[in-house]
């Protein structure tokens, strides 16, 4: 891989992604950085996120409420996506580590990466619903 020319905007986008665990969208990162970089474009954010993924510095969590969400934590883990509020949470259960071997045995191949998401209601949405007297 060829060394990339340093870009202050690129460094700021990567730092903004690394400094949060909320799994932001390109739009969220753009809004966060726009005051610091008034000439920043949404296209620049998208191009850099694609570059981070290609370089292995980030992953795509998937689309949540119509927006692709990103994660700078590239260690093997799963995600829980709240269908109500769109919150994305990391799932680091030790039970997940054995799944690769089970999948390899089932398909006769080798797992080189994994992308696993669970969808449901987060604890905040559940408690909000129970506070209203609604059934979940």
Protein backbone atom coordinates (compact mmCIF):
# COMPACT_ATOMS: atom_id res chain seq x y z
CA UNK A 1 0.00 0.00 0.00
CA UNK A 2 1.31 3.41 -0.99
CA UNK A 3 1.81 5.96 1.79
CA UNK A 4 -0.85 8.64 1.69
CA UNK A 5 -0.11 12.34 1.83
CA UNK A 6 -1.05 13.77 5.23
CA UNK A 7 -4.38 15.55 5.34
CA UNK A 8 -5.54 17.50 8.38
CA UNK A 9 -9.17 16.81 7.49
CA UNK A 10 -8.54 13.07 7.05
CA UNK A 11 -6.77 12.93 10.41
CA UNK A 12 -9.67 14.80 12.06
CA UNK A 13 -12.28 12.47 10.53
CA UNK A 14 -10.40 9.39 11.74
CA UNK A 15 -9.90 10.89 15.20
CA UNK A 16 -13.60 11.79 15.44
CA UNK A 17 -14.48 8.21 14.49
CA UNK A 18 -12.00 6.74 16.97
CA UNK A 19 -13.10 9.01 19.82
CA UNK A 20 -16.67 7.76 19.99
CA UNK A 21 -18.42 4.47 20.58
CA UNK A 22 -21.72 5.63 19.07
CA UNK A 23 -20.94 4.18 15.61
CA UNK A 24 -21.56 7.43 13.73
CA UNK A 25 -22.78 7.95 10.18
CA UNK A 26 -20.89 10.11 7.69
CA UNK A 27 -23.51 12.79 8.31
CA UNK A 28 -22.89 12.69 12.07
CA UNK A 29 -19.11 13.01 11.57
CA UNK A 30 -19.64 15.84 9.08
CA UNK A 31 -21.84 17.76 11.55
CA UNK A 32 -19.29 17.21 14.32
CA UNK A 33 -16.37 18.55 12.24
CA UNK A 34 -18.03 21.28 10.14
CA UNK A 35 -17.37 24.11 12.63
CA UNK A 36 -13.66 23.23 12.80
CA UNK A 37 -13.39 22.80 9.01
CA UNK A 38 -15.92 25.15 7.34
CA UNK A 39 -14.84 24.00 3.86
CA UNK A 40 -15.35 20.30 4.70
CA UNK A 41 -17.75 18.55 2.34
CA UNK A 42 -19.89 15.51 3.04
CA UNK A 43 -18.28 13.90 0.00
CA UNK A 44 -14.85 14.26 1.63
CA UNK A 45 -16.14 12.48 4.73
CA UNK A 46 -17.58 9.63 2.64
CA UNK A 47 -14.39 9.25 0.55
CA UNK A 48 -12.23 9.12 3.66
CA UNK A 49 -14.50 6.60 5.39
CA UNK A 50 -14.27 4.36 2.31
CA UNK A 51 -10.48 4.74 2.45
CA UNK A 52 -10.40 3.85 6.17
CA UNK A 53 -12.41 0.69 5.45
CA UNK A 54 -10.13 -0.26 2.55
CA UNK A 55 -7.06 0.32 4.74
CA UNK A 56 -8.51 -1.70 7.64
CA UNK A 57 -8.83 1.30 9.98
CA UNK A 58 -12.64 1.12 10.18
CA UNK A 59 -15.58 -1.12 9.40
CA UNK A 60 -19.14 -0.54 8.28
CA UNK A 61 -21.70 -1.61 10.85
CA UNK A 62 -24.44 -1.55 8.21
CA UNK A 63 -27.36 0.71 7.45
CA UNK A 64 -29.42 2.01 10.35
CA UNK A 65 -32.44 4.22 9.60
CA UNK A 66 -31.17 4.78 6.07
CA UNK A 67 -27.63 5.82 7.01
CA UNK A 68 -24.52 3.67 6.90
CA UNK A 69 -22.84 3.57 10.31
CA UNK A 70 -19.11 3.13 10.97
CA UNK A 71 -16.85 1.71 13.68
CA UNK A 72 -13.14 2.36 14.26
CA UNK A 73 -12.92 -0.72 16.50
CA UNK A 74 -11.83 -3.37 14.03
CA UNK A 75 -11.33 -6.13 16.62
CA UNK A 76 -13.76 -9.05 16.22
CA UNK A 77 -17.10 -8.20 17.87
CA UNK A 78 -20.78 -8.03 17.03
CA UNK A 79 -23.30 -5.20 17.21
CA UNK A 80 -26.76 -4.73 18.70
CA UNK A 81 -28.93 -2.27 16.78
CA UNK A 82 -31.98 -0.82 18.51
CA UNK A 83 -34.93 -0.88 16.12
CA UNK A 84 -36.58 1.95 18.08
CA UNK A 85 -33.91 4.64 18.55
CA UNK A 86 -31.21 3.45 16.13
CA UNK A 87 -28.54 3.18 18.81
CA UNK A 88 -25.69 0.79 17.95
CA UNK A 89 -23.97 -1.04 20.81
CA UNK A 90 -20.89 -3.26 20.78
CA UNK A 91 -21.42 -6.91 21.74
CA UNK A 92 -18.24 -8.53 23.02
CA UNK A 93 -19.66 -11.73 24.50
CA UNK A 94 -17.01 -14.45 24.89
CA UNK A 95 -19.60 -16.89 23.47
CA UNK A 96 -19.10 -15.28 20.05
CA UNK A 97 -15.46 -16.38 19.77
CA UNK A 98 -16.40 -20.04 19.32
CA UNK A 99 -18.70 -19.30 16.40
CA UNK A 100 -15.90 -19.12 13.82
CA UNK A 101 -14.89 -22.73 14.43
CA UNK A 102 -18.50 -23.91 14.30
CA UNK A 103 -19.06 -22.11 11.00
CA UNK A 104 -15.81 -23.52 9.57
CA UNK A 105 -16.86 -27.05 10.47
CA UNK A 106 -20.33 -26.55 8.98
CA UNK A 107 -19.18 -25.12 5.63
CA UNK A 108 -15.76 -26.78 5.37
CA UNK A 109 -14.08 -23.43 4.79
CA UNK A 110 -12.09 -20.87 6.74
CA UNK A 111 -13.55 -17.75 8.36
CA UNK A 112 -11.37 -14.72 7.65
CA UNK A 113 -13.69 -12.07 9.06
CA UNK A 114 -17.10 -11.85 10.64
CA UNK A 115 -19.95 -9.37 10.60
CA UNK A 116 -22.75 -10.11 13.01
CA UNK A 117 -25.60 -7.85 14.11
CA UNK A 118 -28.51 -8.35 16.45
CA UNK A 119 -31.63 -6.19 16.24
CA UNK A 120 -34.05 -5.47 19.04
CA UNK A 121 -34.92 -2.88 21.68
CA UNK A 122 -32.17 -1.34 23.81
CA UNK A 123 -32.50 -1.05 27.59
CA UNK A 124 -33.33 2.68 27.38
CA UNK A 125 -36.20 2.08 24.95
CA UNK A 126 -37.49 -0.83 27.04
CA UNK A 127 -37.48 1.26 30.22
CA UNK A 128 -39.12 4.15 28.37
CA UNK A 129 -41.86 1.80 27.14
CA UNK A 130 -42.40 0.28 30.60
CA UNK A 131 -42.61 3.76 32.10
CA UNK A 132 -45.59 4.43 29.82
CA UNK A 133 -47.26 1.20 30.83
CA UNK A 134 -46.84 -0.31 27.34
CA UNK A 135 -46.17 -3.96 26.77
CA UNK A 136 -42.88 -4.68 25.02
